[in-house]
C-alpha atoms as a PDB file:
ATOM      1  CA  MET A   1      66.540 129.638 101.266  1.00  0.00           C
ATOM      2  CA  GLY A   2      67.305 126.088 100.115  1.00  0.00           C
ATOM      3  CA  MET A   3      67.152 123.563 102.935  1.00  0.00           C
ATOM      4  CA  LEU A   4      65.962 126.199 105.422  1.00  0.00           C
ATOM      5  CA  SER A   5      62.551 126.045 103.781  1.00  0.00           C
ATOM      6  CA  VAL A   6      61.990 122.661 105.456  1.00  0.00           C
ATOM      7  CA  PRO A   7      62.189 123.853 109.105  1.00  0.00           C
ATOM      8  CA  LEU A   8      60.363 127.080 108.195  1.00  0.00           C
ATOM      9  CA  ALA A   9      57.542 125.066 106.633  1.00  0.00           C
ATOM     10  CA  LEU A  10      57.464 122.885 109.752  1.00  0.00           C
ATOM     11  CA  ILE A  11      57.158 125.963 111.984  1.00  0.00           C
ATOM     12  CA  ALA A  12      54.382 127.437 109.846  1.00  0.00           C
ATOM     13  CA  THR A  13      52.439 124.175 109.792  1.00  0.00           C
ATOM     14  CA  VAL A  14      52.711 123.497 113.530  1.00  0.00           C
ATOM     15  CA  THR A  15      51.795 127.098 114.355  1.00  0.00           C
ATOM     16  CA  ALA A  16      48.702 127.113 112.122  1.00  0.00           C
ATOM     17  CA  VAL A  17      47.453 123.763 113.396  1.00  0.00           C
ATOM     18  CA  ASP A  18      48.158 124.658 117.033  1.00  0.00           C
ATOM     19  CA  VAL A  19      46.186 127.907 116.789  1.00  0.00           C
ATOM     20  CA  LEU A  20      43.198 126.083 115.298  1.00  0.00           C
ATOM     21  CA  ALA A  21      43.398 123.051 117.591  1.00  0.00           C
ATOM     22  CA  PRO A  22      40.980 122.458 120.498  1.00  0.00           C
ATOM     23  CA  PRO A  23      41.976 124.016 123.847  1.00  0.00           C
ATOM     24  CA  ASP A  24      43.210 120.748 125.321  1.00  0.00           C
ATOM     25  CA  VAL A  25      45.538 119.994 122.363  1.00  0.00           C
ATOM     26  CA  HIS A  26      49.029 121.551 122.437  1.00  0.00           C
ATOM     27  CA  LEU A  27      51.409 121.074 119.497  1.00  0.00           C
ATOM     28  CA  GLY A  28      54.023 123.578 120.662  1.00  0.00           C
ATOM     29  CA  PRO A  29      56.603 120.904 121.616  1.00  0.00           C
ATOM     30  CA  PHE A  30      56.826 119.907 117.949  1.00  0.00           C
ATOM     31  CA  LEU A  31      58.431 123.303 117.219  1.00  0.00           C
ATOM     32  CA  ALA A  32      61.632 122.022 118.881  1.00  0.00           C
ATOM     33  CA  ALA A  33      62.126 119.791 115.844  1.00  0.00           C
ATOM     34  CA  ALA A  34      62.786 122.828 113.625  1.00  0.00           C
ATOM     35  CA  PRO A  35      66.122 123.998 115.168  1.00  0.00           C
ATOM     36  CA  ALA A  36      67.139 120.368 115.767  1.00  0.00           C
ATOM     37  CA  VAL A  37      66.677 119.534 112.069  1.00  0.00           C
ATOM     38  CA  THR A  38      68.471 122.714 111.035  1.00  0.00           C
ATOM     39  CA  ALA A  39      71.502 121.863 113.180  1.00  0.00           C
ATOM     40  CA  SER A  40      71.919 118.625 111.204  1.00  0.00           C
ATOM     41  CA  PHE A  41      72.792 120.452 107.954  1.00  0.00           C
ATOM     42  CA  ALA A  42      73.393 124.137 108.710  1.00  0.00           C
ATOM     43  CA  GLY A  43      75.750 126.233 110.813  1.00  0.00           C
ATOM     44  CA  PRO A  44      75.138 127.941 114.146  1.00  0.00           C
ATOM     45  CA  ARG A  45      73.799 131.190 112.641  1.00  0.00           C
ATOM     46  CA  ALA A  46      71.105 129.460 110.611  1.00  0.00           C
ATOM     47  CA  THR A  47      70.263 127.229 113.572  1.00  0.00           C
ATOM     48  CA  ALA A  48      69.936 130.223 115.890  1.00  0.00           C
ATOM     49  CA  PHE A  49      67.739 131.990 113.317  1.00  0.00           C
ATOM     50  CA  ILE A  50      65.379 129.024 113.025  1.00  0.00           C
ATOM     51  CA  GLY A  51      65.342 128.717 116.827  1.00  0.00           C
ATOM     52  CA  ALA A  52      64.371 132.371 117.151  1.00  0.00           C
ATOM     53  CA  VAL A  53      61.595 131.957 114.570  1.00  0.00           C
ATOM     54  CA  ALA A  54      60.327 128.889 116.432  1.00  0.00           C
ATOM     55  CA  VAL A  55      60.279 130.828 119.735  1.00  0.00           C
ATOM     56  CA  ALA A  56      58.457 133.719 118.069  1.00  0.00           C
ATOM     57  CA  ALA A  57      55.936 131.257 116.646  1.00  0.00           C
ATOM     58  CA  GLN A  58      55.389 129.750 120.110  1.00  0.00           C
ATOM     59  CA  VAL A  59      54.807 133.240 121.533  1.00  0.00           C
ATOM     60  CA  ALA A  60      52.300 133.941 118.737  1.00  0.00           C
ATOM     61  CA  VAL A  61      50.448 130.700 119.552  1.00  0.00           C
ATOM     62  CA  ALA A  62      50.347 131.663 123.238  1.00  0.00           C
ATOM     63  CA  VAL A  63      48.895 135.085 122.444  1.00  0.00           C
ATOM     64  CA  ALA A  64      46.347 133.650 120.031  1.00  0.00           C
ATOM     65  CA  ARG A  65      45.148 130.898 122.349  1.00  0.00           C
ATOM     66  CA  THR A  66      45.404 132.372 125.858  1.00  0.00           C
ATOM     67  CA  THR A  67      48.269 134.556 127.068  1.00  0.00           C
ATOM     68  CA  VAL A  68      52.070 134.428 127.218  1.00  0.00           C
ATOM     69  CA  THR A  69      51.887 134.243 131.013  1.00  0.00           C
ATOM     70  CA  ASP A  70      49.834 131.055 130.856  1.00  0.00           C
ATOM     71  CA  LEU A  71      51.866 128.461 132.773  1.00  0.00           C
ATOM     72  CA  ASN A  72      51.745 125.820 130.028  1.00  0.00           C
ATOM     73  CA  HIS A  73      52.855 128.226 127.289  1.00  0.00           C
ATOM     74  CA  THR A  74      55.483 129.793 129.539  1.00  0.00           C
ATOM     75  CA  PHE A  75      57.164 126.446 130.102  1.00  0.00           C
ATOM     76  CA  GLN A  76      56.918 125.585 126.405  1.00  0.00           C
ATOM     77  CA  ILE A  77      58.628 128.870 125.480  1.00  0.00           C
ATOM     78  CA  ILE A  78      61.382 128.384 128.078  1.00  0.00           C
ATOM     79  CA  ALA A  79      61.987 124.803 126.937  1.00  0.00           C
ATOM     80  CA  LEU A  80      62.137 125.883 123.287  1.00  0.00           C
ATOM     81  CA  VAL A  81      64.658 128.633 124.102  1.00  0.00           C
ATOM     82  CA  LEU A  82      66.889 126.162 125.947  1.00  0.00           C
ATOM     83  CA  ILE A  83      66.662 123.548 123.194  1.00  0.00           C
ATOM     84  CA  SER A  84      67.452 126.136 120.519  1.00  0.00           C
ATOM     85  CA  ALA A  85      70.477 127.378 122.461  1.00  0.00           C
ATOM     86  CA  PHE A  86      71.650 123.796 123.026  1.00  0.00           C
ATOM     87  CA  VAL A  87      71.508 122.714 119.370  1.00  0.00           C
ATOM     88  CA  THR A  88      73.024 126.032 118.240  1.00  0.00           C
ATOM     89  CA  PHE A  89      76.010 125.406 120.500  1.00  0.00           C
ATOM     90  CA  PHE A  90      76.528 121.927 119.056  1.00  0.00           C
ATOM     91  CA  ALA A  91      76.184 123.287 115.521  1.00  0.00           C
ATOM     92  CA  HIS A  92      78.993 125.674 116.404  1.00  0.00           C
ATOM     93  CA  LEU A  93      81.169 122.829 117.720  1.00  0.00           C
ATOM     94  CA  ARG A  94      80.540 120.800 114.567  1.00  0.00           C
ATOM     95  CA  GLU A  95      81.460 123.761 112.368  1.00  0.00           C
ATOM     96  CA  VAL A  96      84.718 124.298 114.289  1.00  0.00           C
ATOM     97  CA  HIS A  97      85.550 120.593 114.039  1.00  0.00           C
ATOM     98  CA  GLU A  98      84.883 120.535 110.282  1.00  0.00           C
ATOM     99  CA  ALA A  99      87.100 123.598 109.779  1.00  0.00           C
ATOM    100  CA  GLN A 100      89.909 121.905 111.714  1.00  0.00           C
ATOM    101  CA  LEU A 101      89.576 118.735 109.638  1.00  0.00           C
ATOM    102  CA  THR A 102      89.606 120.730 106.403  1.00  0.00           C
ATOM    103  CA  GLN A 103      92.724 122.612 107.450  1.00  0.00           C
ATOM    104  CA  LEU A 104      94.454 119.436 108.608  1.00  0.00           C
ATOM    105  CA  ARG A 105      93.748 117.642 105.358  1.00  0.00           C
ATOM    106  CA  SER A 106      94.865 120.660 103.332  1.00  0.00           C
ATOM    107  CA  VAL A 107      98.180 120.805 105.201  1.00  0.00           C
ATOM    108  CA  ALA A 108      98.656 117.045 104.908  1.00  0.00           C
ATOM    109  CA  GLU A 109      97.904 117.028 101.184  1.00  0.00           C
ATOM    110  CA  THR A 110     100.282 119.932 100.582  1.00  0.00           C
ATOM    111  CA  ALA A 111     103.044 118.187 102.518  1.00  0.00           C
ATOM    112  CA  GLN A 112     102.382 114.967 100.657  1.00  0.00           C
ATOM    113  CA  GLN A 113     102.512 116.680  97.263  1.00  0.00           C
ATOM    114  CA  VAL A 114     105.893 118.141  98.168  1.00  0.00           C
ATOM    115  CA  LEU A 115     107.183 114.729  99.237  1.00  0.00           C
ATOM    116  CA  LEU A 116     105.806 112.756  96.298  1.00  0.00           C
ATOM    117  CA  ARG A 117     107.665 114.375  93.460  1.00  0.00           C
ATOM    118  CA  PRO A 118     106.322 113.382  90.041  1.00  0.00           C
ATOM    119  CA  LEU A 119     108.252 110.475  88.542  1.00  0.00           C
ATOM    120  CA  ARG A 120     110.047 111.111  85.281  1.00  0.00           C
ATOM    121  CA  GLU A 121     108.361 109.570  82.262  1.00  0.00           C
ATOM    122  CA  ARG A 122     111.636 108.052  81.037  1.00  0.00           C
ATOM    123  CA  MET A 123     114.470 106.661  83.127  1.00  0.00           C
ATOM    124  CA  GLY A 124     117.029 104.742  81.091  1.00  0.00           C
ATOM    125  CA  PRO A 125     115.249 101.980  79.152  1.00  0.00           C
ATOM    126  CA  LEU A 126     112.122 102.362  81.265  1.00  0.00           C
ATOM    127  CA  ARG A 127     108.909 104.277  80.789  1.00  0.00           C
ATOM    128  CA  LEU A 128     107.076 105.123  84.021  1.00  0.00           C
ATOM    129  CA  ALA A 129     103.706 106.414  85.189  1.00  0.00           C
ATOM    130  CA  SER A 130     102.381 107.016  88.685  1.00  0.00           C
ATOM    131  CA  VAL A 131      99.156 108.067  90.350  1.00  0.00           C
ATOM    132  CA  TYR A 132      98.022 108.855  93.876  1.00  0.00           C
ATOM    133  CA  LEU A 133      94.336 108.520  94.791  1.00  0.00           C
ATOM    134  CA  ALA A 134      93.338 110.285  98.000  1.00  0.00           C
ATOM    135  CA  ALA A 135      90.592 108.823 100.160  1.00  0.00           C
ATOM    136  CA  GLU A 136      87.519 110.872 100.985  1.00  0.00           C
ATOM    137  CA  ALA A 137      87.520 110.097 104.703  1.00  0.00           C
ATOM    138  CA  GLU A 138      87.841 113.476 106.445  1.00  0.00           C
ATOM    139  CA  ALA A 139      91.502 114.300 107.101  1.00  0.00           C
ATOM    140  CA  GLN A 140      92.660 110.689 107.198  1.00  0.00           C
ATOM    141  CA  ILE A 141      95.256 111.101 104.503  1.00  0.00           C
ATOM    142  CA  GLY A 142      97.550 108.110 104.324  1.00  0.00           C
ATOM    143  CA  GLY A 143     101.289 107.583 104.315  1.00  0.00           C
ATOM    144  CA  ASP A 144     101.535 106.009 100.860  1.00  0.00           C
ATOM    145  CA  LEU A 145     104.818 106.844  99.133  1.00  0.00           C
ATOM    146  CA  TYR A 146     106.866 106.182  96.029  1.00  0.00           C
ATOM    147  CA  ALA A 147     110.120 107.431  94.535  1.00  0.00           C
ATOM    148  CA  ALA A 148     112.555 106.506  91.779  1.00  0.00           C
ATOM    149  CA  THR A 149     116.199 107.371  91.153  1.00  0.00           C
ATOM    150  CA  ARG A 150     118.894 106.576  88.627  1.00  0.00           C
ATOM    151  CA  THR A 151     122.070 104.743  89.545  1.00  0.00           C
ATOM    152  CA  ASP A 152     125.238 104.202  87.513  1.00  0.00           C
ATOM    153  CA  ASP A 153     123.835 101.091  85.865  1.00  0.00           C
ATOM    154  CA  GLY A 154     120.083 101.162  86.333  1.00  0.00           C
ATOM    155  CA  THR A 155     116.996 102.519  88.013  1.00  0.00           C
ATOM    156  CA  ARG A 156     115.773 101.935  91.544  1.00  0.00           C
ATOM    157  CA  LEU A 157     112.214 102.380  92.658  1.00  0.00           C
ATOM    158  CA  LEU A 158     110.573 102.411  96.079  1.00  0.00           C
ATOM    159  CA  ILE A 159     106.909 102.064  96.945  1.00  0.00           C
ATOM    160  CA  GLY A 160     105.644 101.898 100.500  1.00  0.00           C
ATOM    161  CA  ASP A 161     102.863 102.478 102.974  1.00  0.00           C
ATOM    162  CA  VAL A 162     103.484 103.964 106.421  1.00  0.00           C
ATOM    163  CA  ARG A 163     101.412 102.669 109.305  1.00  0.00           C
ATOM    164  CA  GLY A 164      98.911 105.285 110.439  1.00  0.00           C
ATOM    165  CA  LYS A 165      97.159 108.314 109.009  1.00  0.00           C
ATOM    166  CA  GLY A 166      97.356 112.084 108.928  1.00  0.00           C
ATOM    167  CA  LEU A 167     100.341 114.381 109.370  1.00  0.00           C
ATOM    168  CA  GLU A 168     102.166 111.833 111.516  1.00  0.00           C
ATOM    169  CA  ALA A 169     102.145 109.334 108.648  1.00  0.00           C
ATOM    170  CA  VAL A 170     103.274 112.006 106.196  1.00  0.00           C
ATOM    171  CA  GLY A 171     106.180 112.836 108.523  1.00  0.00           C
ATOM    172  CA  GLU A 172     107.247 109.204 108.703  1.00  0.00           C
ATOM    173  CA  ALA A 173     106.943 108.909 104.924  1.00  0.00           C
ATOM    174  CA  ALA A 174     109.322 111.869 104.640  1.00  0.00           C
ATOM    175  CA  ILE A 175     111.941 109.934 106.629  1.00  0.00           C
ATOM    176  CA  VAL A 176     111.700 106.909 104.321  1.00  0.00           C
ATOM    177  CA  LEU A 177     111.746 108.991 101.146  1.00  0.00           C
ATOM    178  CA  GLY A 178     114.653 111.115 102.366  1.00  0.00           C
ATOM    179  CA  ALA A 179     116.693 108.034 103.245  1.00  0.00           C
ATOM    180  CA  PHE A 180     115.951 106.431  99.874  1.00  0.00           C
ATOM    181  CA  ARG A 181     116.810 109.513  97.835  1.00  0.00           C
ATOM    182  CA  SER A 182     120.053 110.065  99.705  1.00  0.00           C
ATOM    183  CA  ALA A 183     121.273 106.471  99.559  1.00  0.00           C
ATOM    184  CA  ALA A 184     119.705 104.749  96.531  1.00  0.00           C
ATOM    185  CA  HIS A 185     122.528 105.785  94.218  1.00  0.00           C
ATOM    186  CA  ARG A 186     125.264 105.116  96.810  1.00  0.00           C
ATOM    187  CA  LYS A 187     124.433 101.655  98.125  1.00  0.00           C
ATOM    188  CA  ALA A 188     125.940  99.044  95.825  1.00  0.00           C
ATOM    189  CA  GLY A 189     123.471  96.247  96.549  1.00  0.00           C
ATOM    190  CA  LEU A 190     119.722  96.239  97.050  1.00  0.00           C
ATOM    191  CA  PRO A 191     119.929  94.443 100.443  1.00  0.00           C
ATOM    192  CA  GLU A 192     122.362  97.099 101.696  1.00  0.00           C
ATOM    193  CA  LEU A 193     120.007  99.855 100.595  1.00  0.00           C
ATOM    194  CA  VAL A 194     117.033  98.252 102.344  1.00  0.00           C
ATOM    195  CA  THR A 195     119.124  97.734 105.482  1.00  0.00           C
ATOM    196  CA  TYR A 196     119.852 101.460 105.451  1.00  0.00           C
ATOM    197  CA  LEU A 197     116.145 102.300 105.023  1.00  0.00           C
ATOM    198  CA  ASP A 198     115.226  99.940 107.840  1.00  0.00           C
ATOM    199  CA  GLY A 199     117.770 101.616 110.097  1.00  0.00           C
ATOM    200  CA  ALA A 200     116.336 105.053 109.300  1.00  0.00           C
ATOM    201  CA  VAL A 201     112.811 103.975 110.221  1.00  0.00           C
ATOM    202  CA  ALA A 202     113.942 102.078 113.327  1.00  0.00           C
ATOM    203  CA  ALA A 203     115.967 105.055 114.565  1.00  0.00           C
ATOM    204  CA  ASP A 204     112.928 107.295 114.275  1.00  0.00           C
ATOM    205  CA  VAL A 205     110.731 104.803 116.167  1.00  0.00           C
ATOM    206  CA  ASP A 206     113.282 104.220 118.936  1.00  0.00           C
ATOM    207  CA  ASP A 207     113.985 107.876 119.713  1.00  0.00           C
ATOM    208  CA  GLU A 208     111.524 107.641 122.584  1.00  0.00           C
ATOM    209  CA  THR A 209     109.901 104.811 124.518  1.00  0.00           C
ATOM    210  CA  ARG A 210     106.595 105.989 123.083  1.00  0.00           C
ATOM    211  CA  ASP A 211     105.877 108.214 120.138  1.00  0.00           C
ATOM    212  CA  ASP A 212     103.686 111.323 120.090  1.00  0.00           C
ATOM    213  CA  ALA A 213     100.592 109.187 119.622  1.00  0.00           C
ATOM    214  CA  GLY A 214     101.432 107.132 122.708  1.00  0.00           C
ATOM    215  CA  ARG A 215     102.225 103.977 120.747  1.00  0.00           C
ATOM    216  CA  PRO A 216     104.655 101.535 122.355  1.00  0.00           C
ATOM    217  CA  ARG A 217     108.093 101.254 120.778  1.00  0.00           C
ATOM    218  CA  GLY A 218     108.165  98.957 117.779  1.00  0.00           C
ATOM    219  CA  GLU A 219     104.651  99.721 116.521  1.00  0.00           C
ATOM    220  CA  GLY A 220     105.812 102.208 113.913  1.00  0.00           C
ATOM    221  CA  PHE A 221     106.691 100.593 110.611  1.00  0.00           C
ATOM    222  CA  THR A 222     106.473 100.915 106.851  1.00  0.00           C
ATOM    223  CA  THR A 223     105.655  98.173 104.383  1.00  0.00           C
ATOM    224  CA  ALA A 224     107.762  98.610 101.268  1.00  0.00           C
ATOM    225  CA  ALA A 225     108.974  97.057  98.049  1.00  0.00           C
ATOM    226  CA  VAL A 226     112.317  98.174  96.654  1.00  0.00           C
ATOM    227  CA  VAL A 227     112.968  97.236  93.030  1.00  0.00           C
ATOM    228  CA  ASP A 228     116.167  97.448  90.989  1.00  0.00           C
ATOM    229  CA  PHE A 229     115.960  97.598  87.172  1.00  0.00           C
ATOM    230  CA  PRO A 230     119.442  97.038  85.628  1.00  0.00           C
ATOM    231  CA  ASP A 231     119.963  98.761  82.282  1.00  0.00           C
ATOM    232  CA  THR A 232     121.931  95.890  80.729  1.00  0.00           C
ATOM    233  CA  GLU A 233     119.977  92.880  81.997  1.00  0.00           C
ATOM    234  CA  THR A 234     116.419  91.821  81.217  1.00  0.00           C
ATOM    235  CA  ILE A 235     115.617  91.223  84.867  1.00  0.00           C
ATOM    236  CA  LEU A 236     114.411  93.083  87.904  1.00  0.00           C
ATOM    237  CA  ARG A 237     115.398  92.509  91.515  1.00  0.00           C
ATOM    238  CA  VAL A 238     112.945  92.866  94.394  1.00  0.00           C
ATOM    239  CA  VAL A 239     113.262  93.142  98.141  1.00  0.00           C
ATOM    240  CA  SER A 240     109.810  92.883  99.694  1.00  0.00           C
ATOM    241  CA  CYS A 241     109.274  94.171 103.228  1.00  0.00           C
ATOM    242  CA  GLY A 242     105.750  93.106 104.076  1.00  0.00           C
ATOM    243  CA  HIS A 243     104.375  94.802 100.955  1.00  0.00           C
ATOM    244  CA  PRO A 244     101.888  93.437  98.386  1.00  0.00           C
ATOM    245  CA  PRO A 245     103.771  91.695  95.554  1.00  0.00           C
ATOM    246  CA  PRO A 246     104.361  93.511  92.244  1.00  0.00           C
ATOM    247  CA  LEU A 247     102.349  92.318  89.258  1.00  0.00           C
ATOM    248  CA  LEU A 248     104.139  91.428  86.010  1.00  0.00           C
ATOM    249  CA  LEU A 249     101.915  92.002  82.973  1.00  0.00           C
ATOM    250  CA  ARG A 250     102.875  90.012  79.888  1.00  0.00           C
ATOM    251  CA  ASP A 251     100.836  88.724  76.937  1.00  0.00           C
ATOM    252  CA  GLY A 252      97.481  89.384  78.576  1.00  0.00           C
ATOM    253  CA  ARG A 253      98.447  87.704  81.838  1.00  0.00           C
ATOM    254  CA  ALA A 254      99.173  89.137  85.269  1.00  0.00           C
ATOM    255  CA  VAL A 255     101.628  87.259  87.467  1.00  0.00           C
ATOM    256  CA  ALA A 256     102.305  88.159  91.106  1.00  0.00           C
ATOM    257  CA  LEU A 257     106.057  88.349  91.781  1.00  0.00           C
ATOM    258  CA  GLN A 258     106.050  86.595  95.142  1.00  0.00           C
ATOM    259  CA  VAL A 259     109.500  86.501  96.710  1.00  0.00           C
ATOM    260  CA  ASP A 260     110.661  83.336  98.434  1.00  0.00           C
ATOM    261  CA  HIS A 261     112.045  85.139 101.480  1.00  0.00           C
ATOM    262  CA  PRO A 262     109.935  88.189 102.360  1.00  0.00           C
ATOM    263  CA  ALA A 263     111.325  90.501 105.032  1.00  0.00           C
ATOM    264  CA  PRO A 264     109.388  92.217 107.830  1.00  0.00           C
ATOM    265  CA  PRO A 265     108.277  95.818 107.304  1.00  0.00           C
ATOM    266  CA  LEU A 266     110.879  98.552 107.605  1.00  0.00           C
ATOM    267  CA  GLY A 267     111.487  99.357 111.249  1.00  0.00           C
ATOM    268  CA  LEU A 268     110.703  95.844 112.516  1.00  0.00           C
ATOM    269  CA  SER A 269     113.785  93.878 111.463  1.00  0.00           C
ATOM    270  CA  GLY A 270     115.092  94.071 115.029  1.00  0.00           C
ATOM    271  CA  LEU A 271     111.976  92.306 116.303  1.00  0.00           C
ATOM    272  CA  VAL A 272     112.147  89.549 113.680  1.00  0.00           C
ATOM    273  CA  PRO A 273     115.822  88.751 113.052  1.00  0.00           C
ATOM    274  CA  SER A 274     116.352  88.146 109.355  1.00  0.00           C
ATOM    275  CA  GLY A 275     118.409  89.536 106.544  1.00  0.00           C
ATOM    276  CA  PHE A 276     117.199  91.278 103.442  1.00  0.00           C
ATOM    277  CA  THR A 277     117.351  89.178 100.287  1.00  0.00           C
ATOM    278  CA  ALA A 278     116.894  90.392  96.724  1.00  0.00           C
ATOM    279  CA  GLN A 279     115.178  88.015  94.309  1.00  0.00           C
ATOM    280  CA  SER A 280     115.420  88.290  90.527  1.00  0.00           C
ATOM    281  CA  PHE A 281     112.594  87.926  88.019  1.00  0.00           C
ATOM    282  CA  PRO A 282     112.640  88.132  84.197  1.00  0.00           C
ATOM    283  CA  PHE A 283     111.679  91.548  82.834  1.00  0.00           C
ATOM    284  CA  GLU A 284     111.647  91.505  79.036  1.00  0.00           C
ATOM    285  CA  PRO A 285     111.072  94.354  76.565  1.00  0.00           C
ATOM    286  CA  GLY A 286     107.357  95.068  76.405  1.00  0.00           C
ATOM    287  CA  ASP A 287     106.749  93.777  79.932  1.00  0.00           C
ATOM    288  CA  VAL A 288     105.019  96.049  82.439  1.00  0.00           C
ATOM    289  CA  VAL A 289     105.415  95.842  86.203  1.00  0.00           C
ATOM    290  CA  LEU A 290     102.705  97.289  88.423  1.00  0.00           C
ATOM    291  CA  LEU A 291     103.522  98.397  91.976  1.00  0.00           C
ATOM    292  CA  TYR A 292     100.696  99.401  94.303  1.00  0.00           C
ATOM    293  CA  THR A 293      99.728  99.941  97.937  1.00  0.00           C
ATOM    294  CA  ASP A 294      97.120  98.036  99.909  1.00  0.00           C
ATOM    295  CA  GLY A 295      94.580 100.838  99.448  1.00  0.00           C
ATOM    296  CA  VAL A 296      94.035  99.346  95.982  1.00  0.00           C
ATOM    297  CA  ILE A 297      93.511  95.690  96.844  1.00  0.00           C
ATOM    298  CA  GLU A 298      91.588  96.459 100.051  1.00  0.00           C
ATOM    299  CA  ALA A 299      89.017  98.669  98.314  1.00  0.00           C
ATOM    300  CA  ARG A 300      85.568  97.103  98.738  1.00  0.00           C
ATOM    301  CA  ASN A 301      82.429  97.411  96.663  1.00  0.00           C
ATOM    302  CA  ALA A 302      78.908  97.802  98.060  1.00  0.00           C
ATOM    303  CA  ALA A 303      78.720  94.043  98.649  1.00  0.00           C
ATOM    304  CA  GLY A 304      81.976  94.039 100.622  1.00  0.00           C
ATOM    305  CA  ALA A 305      84.087  92.319  97.941  1.00  0.00           C
ATOM    306  CA  PHE A 306      87.726  93.371  97.574  1.00  0.00           C
ATOM    307  CA  TYR A 307      88.952  94.887  94.329  1.00  0.00           C
ATOM    308  CA  PRO A 308      90.276  92.081  92.043  1.00  0.00           C
ATOM    309  CA  LEU A 309      93.417  93.891  90.916  1.00  0.00           C
ATOM    310  CA  LYS A 310      95.107  90.906  89.293  1.00  0.00           C
ATOM    311  CA  GLU A 311      92.117  90.101  87.090  1.00  0.00           C
ATOM    312  CA  ARG A 312      91.445  93.723  86.162  1.00  0.00           C
ATOM    313  CA  ALA A 313      95.108  94.383  85.365  1.00  0.00           C
ATOM    314  CA  ALA A 314      95.177  91.312  83.110  1.00  0.00           C
ATOM    315  CA  ALA A 315      92.226  92.788  81.181  1.00  0.00           C
ATOM    316  CA  TRP A 316      94.207  95.928  80.350  1.00  0.00           C
ATOM    317  CA  PRO A 317      94.257  96.460  76.553  1.00  0.00           C
ATOM    318  CA  GLY A 318      97.974  97.289  76.510  1.00  0.00           C
ATOM    319  CA  ASP A 319      98.564 100.962  75.681  1.00  0.00           C
ATOM    320  CA  GLY A 320     101.508 101.855  77.926  1.00  0.00           C
ATOM    321  CA  PRO A 321     101.917 102.626  81.630  1.00  0.00           C
ATOM    322  CA  ASP A 322      99.759 105.765  81.461  1.00  0.00           C
ATOM    323  CA  GLY A 323      96.950 103.827  79.837  1.00  0.00           C
ATOM    324  CA  LEU A 324      97.234 101.058  82.411  1.00  0.00           C
ATOM    325  CA  LEU A 325      96.872 103.465  85.320  1.00  0.00           C
ATOM    326  CA  ARG A 326      93.983 105.310  83.673  1.00  0.00           C
ATOM    327  CA  HIS A 327      92.259 101.972  83.116  1.00  0.00           C
ATOM    328  CA  LEU A 328      92.790 100.802  86.693  1.00  0.00           C
ATOM    329  CA  CYS A 329      91.896 104.112  88.364  1.00  0.00           C
ATOM    330  CA  ALA A 330      88.605 104.404  86.488  1.00  0.00           C
ATOM    331  CA  ASP A 331      87.798 100.765  87.229  1.00  0.00           C
ATOM    332  CA  LEU A 332      88.766 101.087  90.900  1.00  0.00           C
ATOM    333  CA  LEU A 333      86.514 104.111  91.406  1.00  0.00           C
ATOM    334  CA  ARG A 334      83.634 102.306  89.699  1.00  0.00           C
ATOM    335  CA  HIS A 335      84.206  99.393  92.071  1.00  0.00           C
ATOM    336  CA  SER A 336      84.146 101.612  95.179  1.00  0.00           C
ATOM    337  CA  PRO A 337      80.770 102.800  96.562  1.00  0.00           C
ATOM    338  CA  HIS A 338      79.946 106.258  95.209  1.00  0.00           C
ATOM    339  CA  GLY A 339      83.397 106.394  93.598  1.00  0.00           C
ATOM    340  CA  ARG A 340      85.102 107.008  96.952  1.00  0.00           C
ATOM    341  CA  LEU A 341      87.994 105.058  98.398  1.00  0.00           C
ATOM    342  CA  GLY A 342      88.173 104.204 102.079  1.00  0.00           C
ATOM    343  CA  ASP A 343      91.970 104.508 102.102  1.00  0.00           C
ATOM    344  CA  ASP A 344      94.562 106.328 100.029  1.00  0.00           C
ATOM    345  CA  ALA A 345      96.048 104.343  97.171  1.00  0.00           C
ATOM    346  CA  ALA A 346      99.193 104.683  95.057  1.00  0.00           C
ATOM    347  CA  LEU A 347     100.123 102.902  91.830  1.00  0.00           C
ATOM    348  CA  VAL A 348     103.297 102.942  89.743  1.00  0.00           C
ATOM    349  CA  ALA A 349     103.613 101.227  86.354  1.00  0.00           C
ATOM    350  CA  ILE A 350     106.996 100.553  84.687  1.00  0.00           C
ATOM    351  CA  GLU A 351     107.468  99.349  81.130  1.00  0.00           C
ATOM    352  CA  ARG A 352     110.764  98.119  79.630  1.00  0.00           C
ATOM    353  CA  LEU A 353     111.146  99.675  76.212  1.00  0.00           C
ATOM    354  CA  ASP A 354     114.102  98.085  74.511  1.00  0.00           C
ATOM    355  CA  ASP A 355     116.278  94.980  74.594  1.00  0.00           C
ATOM    356  CA  VAL A 356     119.860  94.893  75.895  1.00  0.00           C
END
């Protein structure tokens, strides 16, 4: 019986006390609490069953005390029937809504798994690891994305976060990922590649005056960081489009790679005229670069404090990209209330293995 024992015990208690109560005391209205409580945790069938038991109990009280045709008991029975039918209907609506949310999240997660192909563990002189942490908030799956591809002389990596949630965000992430995978090995320079990605996002936003969600033109965008790792140089090049800065881990320290000229998010360059500029940073053998989405740094603990990624990454013991992500994921979930994130989060760690 499980949780149903609670409303059944309530019905039994109210019925027994009502039968034994003085003639001028009527506890029948308390029976309405039984189906109402049941609707809070059970489906429509269980709610209807408890409602029927409550009505039967009210009829039994009426027979024991006076008669079913007594005006007071008649109105109590009618009211209990109406209340039971009302809460059963809303239990049905809740069950339908939960089924829709479950299906929506399942479809979104499947689509996202198809889009986010696992990164190869080795790409040239790099060792990589990636992880995607889904939030627990109903079907509000995010548009976090990442991808990596080889070029003639290096490796290029993209990480981004599409504005919005659900299947719409997954669809927009597919546009960014498709554009990156088709052009990353063809565009000679990083600024040219990012210009191409920006054009792909902007074209999708500007197809209509408003999108399917009714948002005005220009509100769709993707924050992103595109990073180039040359095989023959101990550097990396970054174009940041409104995305959190990568962290460089070296000798027990974590340094944020803040670019001097950040660009607006992909899809918004037309609103804020500016070019895309790649900035170089040293990337020596043994160094690890951590890319992440804002679901990581915006995770809050029970006291409302944000997750201190830079400090926690610096405390990493240093056992490769896989170990770094295992360390951070476990720590992030401990930081979050009940081990649940409020937003999806993605992390990618890249280690340079050998000198040039």
